[in-house]
N, C-alpha and C. Protein backbone atom coordinates (compact mmCIF):
# COMPACT_ATOMS: atom_id res chain seq x y z
N UNK A 1 9.16 34.31 51.62
CA UNK A 1 10.10 33.48 51.84
C UNK A 1 11.40 34.09 51.52
N UNK A 2 12.45 34.07 52.40
CA UNK A 2 13.77 34.59 52.18
C UNK A 2 14.60 33.63 51.00
N UNK A 3 14.82 34.16 49.70
CA UNK A 3 15.47 33.72 48.65
C UNK A 3 16.73 32.99 48.84
N UNK A 4 17.38 33.66 49.86
CA UNK A 4 18.79 33.36 50.22
C UNK A 4 18.77 31.79 51.18
N UNK A 5 17.80 31.48 51.80
CA UNK A 5 17.73 30.33 52.54
C UNK A 5 17.23 28.93 51.88
N UNK A 6 18.00 28.40 51.83
CA UNK A 6 17.68 26.87 50.80
C UNK A 6 16.07 26.46 51.09
N UNK A 7 15.52 25.74 50.24
CA UNK A 7 14.49 25.26 50.44
C UNK A 7 14.43 23.70 50.51
N UNK A 8 13.81 23.03 51.24
CA UNK A 8 14.05 21.21 51.46
C UNK A 8 12.50 20.83 50.49
N UNK A 9 12.87 19.98 49.80
CA UNK A 9 11.77 19.42 49.27
C UNK A 9 11.89 17.74 49.32
N UNK A 10 10.76 17.41 50.04
CA UNK A 10 10.36 15.87 50.50
C UNK A 10 9.88 15.14 49.23
N UNK A 11 10.00 14.12 48.95
CA UNK A 11 9.04 13.56 48.04
C UNK A 11 9.01 12.05 48.20
N UNK A 12 7.80 11.63 47.79
CA UNK A 12 7.30 10.00 47.66
C UNK A 12 7.35 10.03 46.28
N UNK A 13 7.78 8.67 45.85
CA UNK A 13 7.73 8.14 44.58
C UNK A 13 7.38 6.72 44.33
N UNK A 14 6.72 6.59 43.40
CA UNK A 14 6.12 5.09 42.91
C UNK A 14 6.48 4.96 41.63
N UNK A 15 7.11 4.11 41.18
CA UNK A 15 6.96 3.95 39.54
C UNK A 15 6.13 3.32 39.03
N UNK A 16 5.67 3.88 37.66
CA UNK A 16 4.36 3.37 37.12
C UNK A 16 4.88 2.34 36.12
N UNK A 17 4.16 1.43 35.51
CA UNK A 17 4.21 0.53 34.53
C UNK A 17 4.71 1.35 33.42
N UNK A 18 4.40 2.32 33.19
CA UNK A 18 4.91 2.92 31.96
C UNK A 18 6.49 2.86 31.78
N UNK A 19 6.99 3.30 32.81
CA UNK A 19 8.44 3.55 33.18
C UNK A 19 9.18 2.32 32.74
N UNK A 20 8.39 1.17 33.41
CA UNK A 20 9.23 -0.01 33.15
C UNK A 20 9.04 -0.83 31.54
N UNK A 21 7.85 -0.23 30.82
CA UNK A 21 7.85 -0.48 29.52
C UNK A 21 8.56 0.21 28.59
N UNK A 22 9.25 1.25 29.01
CA UNK A 22 10.30 1.76 28.27
C UNK A 22 11.38 0.85 28.12
N UNK A 23 12.05 0.97 27.05
CA UNK A 23 13.15 0.13 26.65
C UNK A 23 14.33 0.41 27.60
N UNK A 24 15.48 -0.38 27.60
CA UNK A 24 16.51 -0.09 28.74
C UNK A 24 17.26 1.41 28.37
N UNK A 25 17.34 1.52 27.11
CA UNK A 25 18.11 2.91 26.75
C UNK A 25 16.93 3.94 27.01
N UNK A 26 15.74 3.89 26.81
CA UNK A 26 14.85 5.00 26.94
C UNK A 26 14.95 5.13 28.27
N UNK A 27 14.79 4.02 29.26
CA UNK A 27 14.80 4.67 30.73
C UNK A 27 16.39 5.06 31.07
N UNK A 28 17.37 4.79 30.73
CA UNK A 28 18.69 5.45 30.87
C UNK A 28 18.62 6.94 30.44
N UNK A 29 18.29 7.16 29.45
CA UNK A 29 17.90 8.40 28.80
C UNK A 29 17.01 9.40 29.46
N UNK A 30 15.97 8.84 30.08
CA UNK A 30 15.07 9.50 31.21
C UNK A 30 15.60 9.89 32.33
N UNK A 31 16.45 9.09 33.13
CA UNK A 31 17.39 9.43 34.16
C UNK A 31 18.29 9.98 33.98
N UNK A 32 19.19 10.15 32.71
CA UNK A 32 20.28 11.02 32.62
C UNK A 32 19.83 12.49 32.31
N UNK A 33 18.66 12.60 31.74
CA UNK A 33 18.03 13.90 31.58
C UNK A 33 17.41 14.35 32.83
N UNK A 34 16.76 13.78 33.60
CA UNK A 34 16.32 14.22 34.69
C UNK A 34 17.47 14.47 35.89
N UNK A 35 18.49 13.68 35.64
CA UNK A 35 19.86 14.04 36.64
C UNK A 35 20.56 15.26 36.16
N UNK A 36 20.73 15.43 34.72
CA UNK A 36 21.26 16.90 34.33
C UNK A 36 20.33 17.87 34.73
N UNK A 37 19.07 17.85 34.85
CA UNK A 37 18.38 18.96 35.18
C UNK A 37 18.54 19.31 36.52
N UNK A 38 18.51 18.30 37.42
CA UNK A 38 18.71 18.45 38.75
C UNK A 38 20.07 19.08 39.21
N UNK A 39 21.05 18.51 38.73
CA UNK A 39 22.39 19.39 38.78
C UNK A 39 22.44 20.63 38.28
N UNK A 40 21.86 20.93 37.17
CA UNK A 40 22.01 22.14 36.62
C UNK A 40 21.26 23.25 37.46
N UNK A 41 20.09 22.82 38.28
CA UNK A 41 19.42 23.89 39.26
C UNK A 41 20.00 23.78 40.27
N UNK A 42 21.27 22.90 40.87
CA UNK A 42 21.73 23.11 42.03
C UNK A 42 21.24 22.16 43.13
N UNK A 43 20.48 21.15 42.77
CA UNK A 43 19.73 20.36 44.03
C UNK A 43 20.76 19.59 44.60
N UNK A 44 20.83 19.47 45.85
CA UNK A 44 21.68 18.47 46.73
C UNK A 44 20.91 17.57 47.36
N UNK A 45 21.27 16.11 46.86
CA UNK A 45 20.40 15.01 47.56
C UNK A 45 20.75 15.11 49.10
N UNK A 46 19.92 15.29 49.94
CA UNK A 46 20.21 15.00 51.48
C UNK A 46 20.13 13.43 51.74
N UNK A 47 19.01 12.84 51.39
CA UNK A 47 18.78 11.62 51.76
C UNK A 47 17.89 11.05 50.50
N UNK A 48 18.26 9.61 49.99
CA UNK A 48 17.47 8.88 49.23
C UNK A 48 16.83 7.61 49.91
N UNK A 49 15.84 7.14 50.17
CA UNK A 49 15.38 5.82 50.56
C UNK A 49 14.61 4.87 49.88
N UNK A 50 14.99 3.62 49.70
CA UNK A 50 14.49 2.78 48.84
C UNK A 50 13.57 1.93 49.61
N UNK A 51 12.43 2.24 49.59
CA UNK A 51 11.42 1.69 50.53
C UNK A 51 10.83 0.36 49.72
N UNK A 52 11.13 -0.14 48.53
CA UNK A 52 10.39 -1.13 47.67
C UNK A 52 10.08 -2.51 48.49
N UNK A 53 11.33 -2.74 49.03
CA UNK A 53 11.37 -4.14 49.75
C UNK A 53 10.36 -4.05 51.08
N UNK A 54 9.96 -3.00 51.54
CA UNK A 54 9.53 -2.89 52.89
C UNK A 54 7.84 -2.55 52.68
N UNK A 55 7.58 -1.84 51.58
CA UNK A 55 6.06 -1.24 51.57
C UNK A 55 5.66 -1.23 49.95
N UNK A 56 4.65 -1.20 49.69
CA UNK A 56 4.12 -1.06 48.32
C UNK A 56 3.49 -0.01 48.14
N UNK A 57 3.13 0.97 49.19
CA UNK A 57 3.00 2.35 48.98
C UNK A 57 3.89 3.26 47.83
N UNK A 58 5.20 3.21 48.39
CA UNK A 58 6.19 3.84 47.63
C UNK A 58 7.35 3.13 47.49
N UNK A 59 8.06 3.45 45.93
CA UNK A 59 9.42 3.02 45.93
C UNK A 59 10.31 3.71 46.58
N UNK A 60 10.30 5.08 46.53
CA UNK A 60 11.37 5.89 47.35
C UNK A 60 10.71 6.87 47.72
N UNK A 61 11.45 7.42 48.78
CA UNK A 61 11.40 8.67 49.40
C UNK A 61 12.76 9.65 49.60
N UNK A 62 12.49 10.70 49.11
CA UNK A 62 13.91 11.52 49.32
C UNK A 62 13.53 12.95 49.77
N UNK A 63 14.93 13.40 50.33
CA UNK A 63 15.06 14.88 50.96
C UNK A 63 16.02 15.30 50.00
N UNK A 64 15.81 16.63 49.42
CA UNK A 64 16.39 17.07 48.63
C UNK A 64 16.51 18.75 48.97
N UNK A 65 17.76 19.37 48.72
CA UNK A 65 17.83 20.86 49.15
C UNK A 65 18.19 21.61 47.93
N UNK A 66 17.44 22.63 47.73
CA UNK A 66 17.59 23.50 46.62
C UNK A 66 17.81 24.90 46.98
N UNK A 67 18.74 25.59 46.07
CA UNK A 67 19.11 26.97 46.61
C UNK A 67 18.01 27.83 46.80
N UNK A 68 16.91 27.68 45.96
CA UNK A 68 16.04 28.88 46.11
C UNK A 68 14.25 28.57 45.61
N UNK A 69 13.59 29.02 45.92
CA UNK A 69 12.16 28.99 45.21
C UNK A 69 12.07 29.03 43.69
N UNK A 70 12.95 29.89 43.32
CA UNK A 70 13.08 29.93 41.71
C UNK A 70 13.46 28.57 41.11
N UNK A 71 14.36 27.86 41.90
CA UNK A 71 14.96 26.84 41.01
C UNK A 71 13.78 25.66 41.53
N UNK A 72 13.31 25.59 42.38
CA UNK A 72 12.06 24.84 42.69
C UNK A 72 10.90 24.99 41.65
N UNK A 73 10.69 26.12 41.13
CA UNK A 73 9.41 26.45 40.21
C UNK A 73 10.33 26.01 38.77
N UNK A 74 11.44 26.19 38.40
CA UNK A 74 11.90 25.92 37.17
C UNK A 74 11.98 24.24 36.94
N UNK A 75 12.10 23.51 38.17
CA UNK A 75 12.09 22.37 38.48
C UNK A 75 10.88 21.49 38.11
N UNK A 76 9.89 22.11 38.91
CA UNK A 76 8.47 21.72 38.54
C UNK A 76 8.05 21.80 37.26
N UNK A 77 8.39 22.98 36.59
CA UNK A 77 8.13 23.25 34.94
C UNK A 77 8.73 22.31 34.19
N UNK A 78 10.19 21.79 34.69
CA UNK A 78 10.82 20.58 33.80
C UNK A 78 10.02 19.45 33.91
N UNK A 79 9.60 19.24 35.23
CA UNK A 79 9.08 17.89 35.49
C UNK A 79 7.96 17.73 34.58
N UNK A 80 7.08 18.57 34.53
CA UNK A 80 5.64 18.68 33.94
C UNK A 80 5.64 18.74 32.27
N UNK A 81 6.60 19.73 31.75
CA UNK A 81 6.61 20.05 30.61
C UNK A 81 7.51 19.28 29.55
N UNK A 82 8.57 19.01 30.35
CA UNK A 82 9.82 18.36 29.39
C UNK A 82 9.82 16.94 29.70
N UNK A 83 9.97 16.60 31.01
CA UNK A 83 10.06 15.27 31.50
C UNK A 83 8.99 14.48 31.37
N UNK A 84 7.87 14.92 31.52
CA UNK A 84 6.40 14.66 31.75
C UNK A 84 6.73 13.10 32.56
N UNK A 85 7.00 13.74 33.73
CA UNK A 85 7.14 12.65 34.60
C UNK A 85 5.85 12.06 35.10
N UNK A 86 4.72 12.64 35.18
CA UNK A 86 3.75 12.08 35.63
C UNK A 86 3.15 10.93 34.88
N UNK A 87 3.52 10.75 33.57
CA UNK A 87 3.38 9.43 32.95
C UNK A 87 3.99 8.36 33.53
N UNK A 88 5.16 8.56 34.24
CA UNK A 88 6.03 7.49 34.54
C UNK A 88 6.14 7.45 36.00
N UNK A 89 5.65 8.13 36.87
CA UNK A 89 6.02 8.23 38.41
C UNK A 89 4.73 8.69 38.95
N UNK A 90 4.22 8.10 39.92
CA UNK A 90 3.22 8.56 40.87
C UNK A 90 4.06 9.37 42.06
N UNK A 91 3.76 10.55 42.32
CA UNK A 91 4.59 11.28 43.28
C UNK A 91 3.75 12.39 43.99
N UNK A 92 4.58 12.73 45.05
CA UNK A 92 3.91 14.05 45.98
C UNK A 92 5.26 14.29 46.52
N UNK A 93 5.07 15.90 46.56
CA UNK A 93 6.40 16.64 47.10
C UNK A 93 5.69 17.48 48.34
N UNK A 94 6.68 17.92 49.12
CA UNK A 94 6.33 18.93 49.94
C UNK A 94 7.44 19.67 50.20
N UNK A 95 7.24 20.86 50.66
CA UNK A 95 8.25 21.89 50.81
C UNK A 95 8.43 22.57 52.14
N UNK A 96 9.77 22.81 52.55
CA UNK A 96 9.75 23.39 53.92
C UNK A 96 11.22 24.02 53.96
N UNK A 97 11.71 24.40 55.16
CA UNK A 97 12.95 25.10 55.25
C UNK A 97 13.76 24.46 56.44
N UNK A 98 14.82 24.20 55.95
CA UNK A 98 16.07 23.47 57.05
C UNK A 98 15.50 24.04 58.39
N UNK A 99 15.78 23.24 59.43
CA UNK A 99 15.79 23.42 60.85
C UNK A 99 16.48 22.83 61.63
N UNK A 100 17.26 23.10 62.57
CA UNK A 100 18.33 22.39 63.27
C UNK A 100 17.43 21.71 64.50
N UNK A 101 18.10 20.24 64.67
CA UNK A 101 17.49 19.41 65.71
C UNK A 101 18.36 19.40 66.81
N UNK A 102 19.43 20.28 66.87
CA UNK A 102 20.28 20.19 67.97
C UNK A 102 19.71 20.37 69.33
N UNK A 103 18.91 21.41 69.59
CA UNK A 103 18.23 21.74 70.76
C UNK A 103 17.19 21.16 71.35
N UNK A 104 16.35 20.44 70.17
CA UNK A 104 15.19 19.82 70.48
C UNK A 104 15.32 18.81 71.55
N UNK A 105 14.26 18.93 72.44
CA UNK A 105 14.50 18.35 73.92
C UNK A 105 15.46 18.43 75.02
N UNK A 106 16.26 19.50 74.60
CA UNK A 106 17.07 20.07 75.82
C UNK A 106 16.58 21.30 76.57
N UNK A 107 17.09 21.12 77.70
CA UNK A 107 16.67 22.05 78.71
C UNK A 107 17.29 23.74 78.31
């Protein structure tokens, strides 16, 4: 994959009870630490969708743009080793490349 082309990551997330069992200060710190890493690695949020009022399957669906696969790999390491996100969030991610929709269905 060309490292100069951004990588799009689609994620689906559902908060686990362990997240809600954290104190308010602990939840705030978790989110602050998470956001700091996202910003440091150059993630740009394309869209965040709150699904919690419409389905019980996922709380959030998001689309992120990352500067490179190197940044994605570092993010995955951070999520696993430092944030231990799987304790607090059930999630799935999918990677892809941006593509224009402008000419879709046009002659």
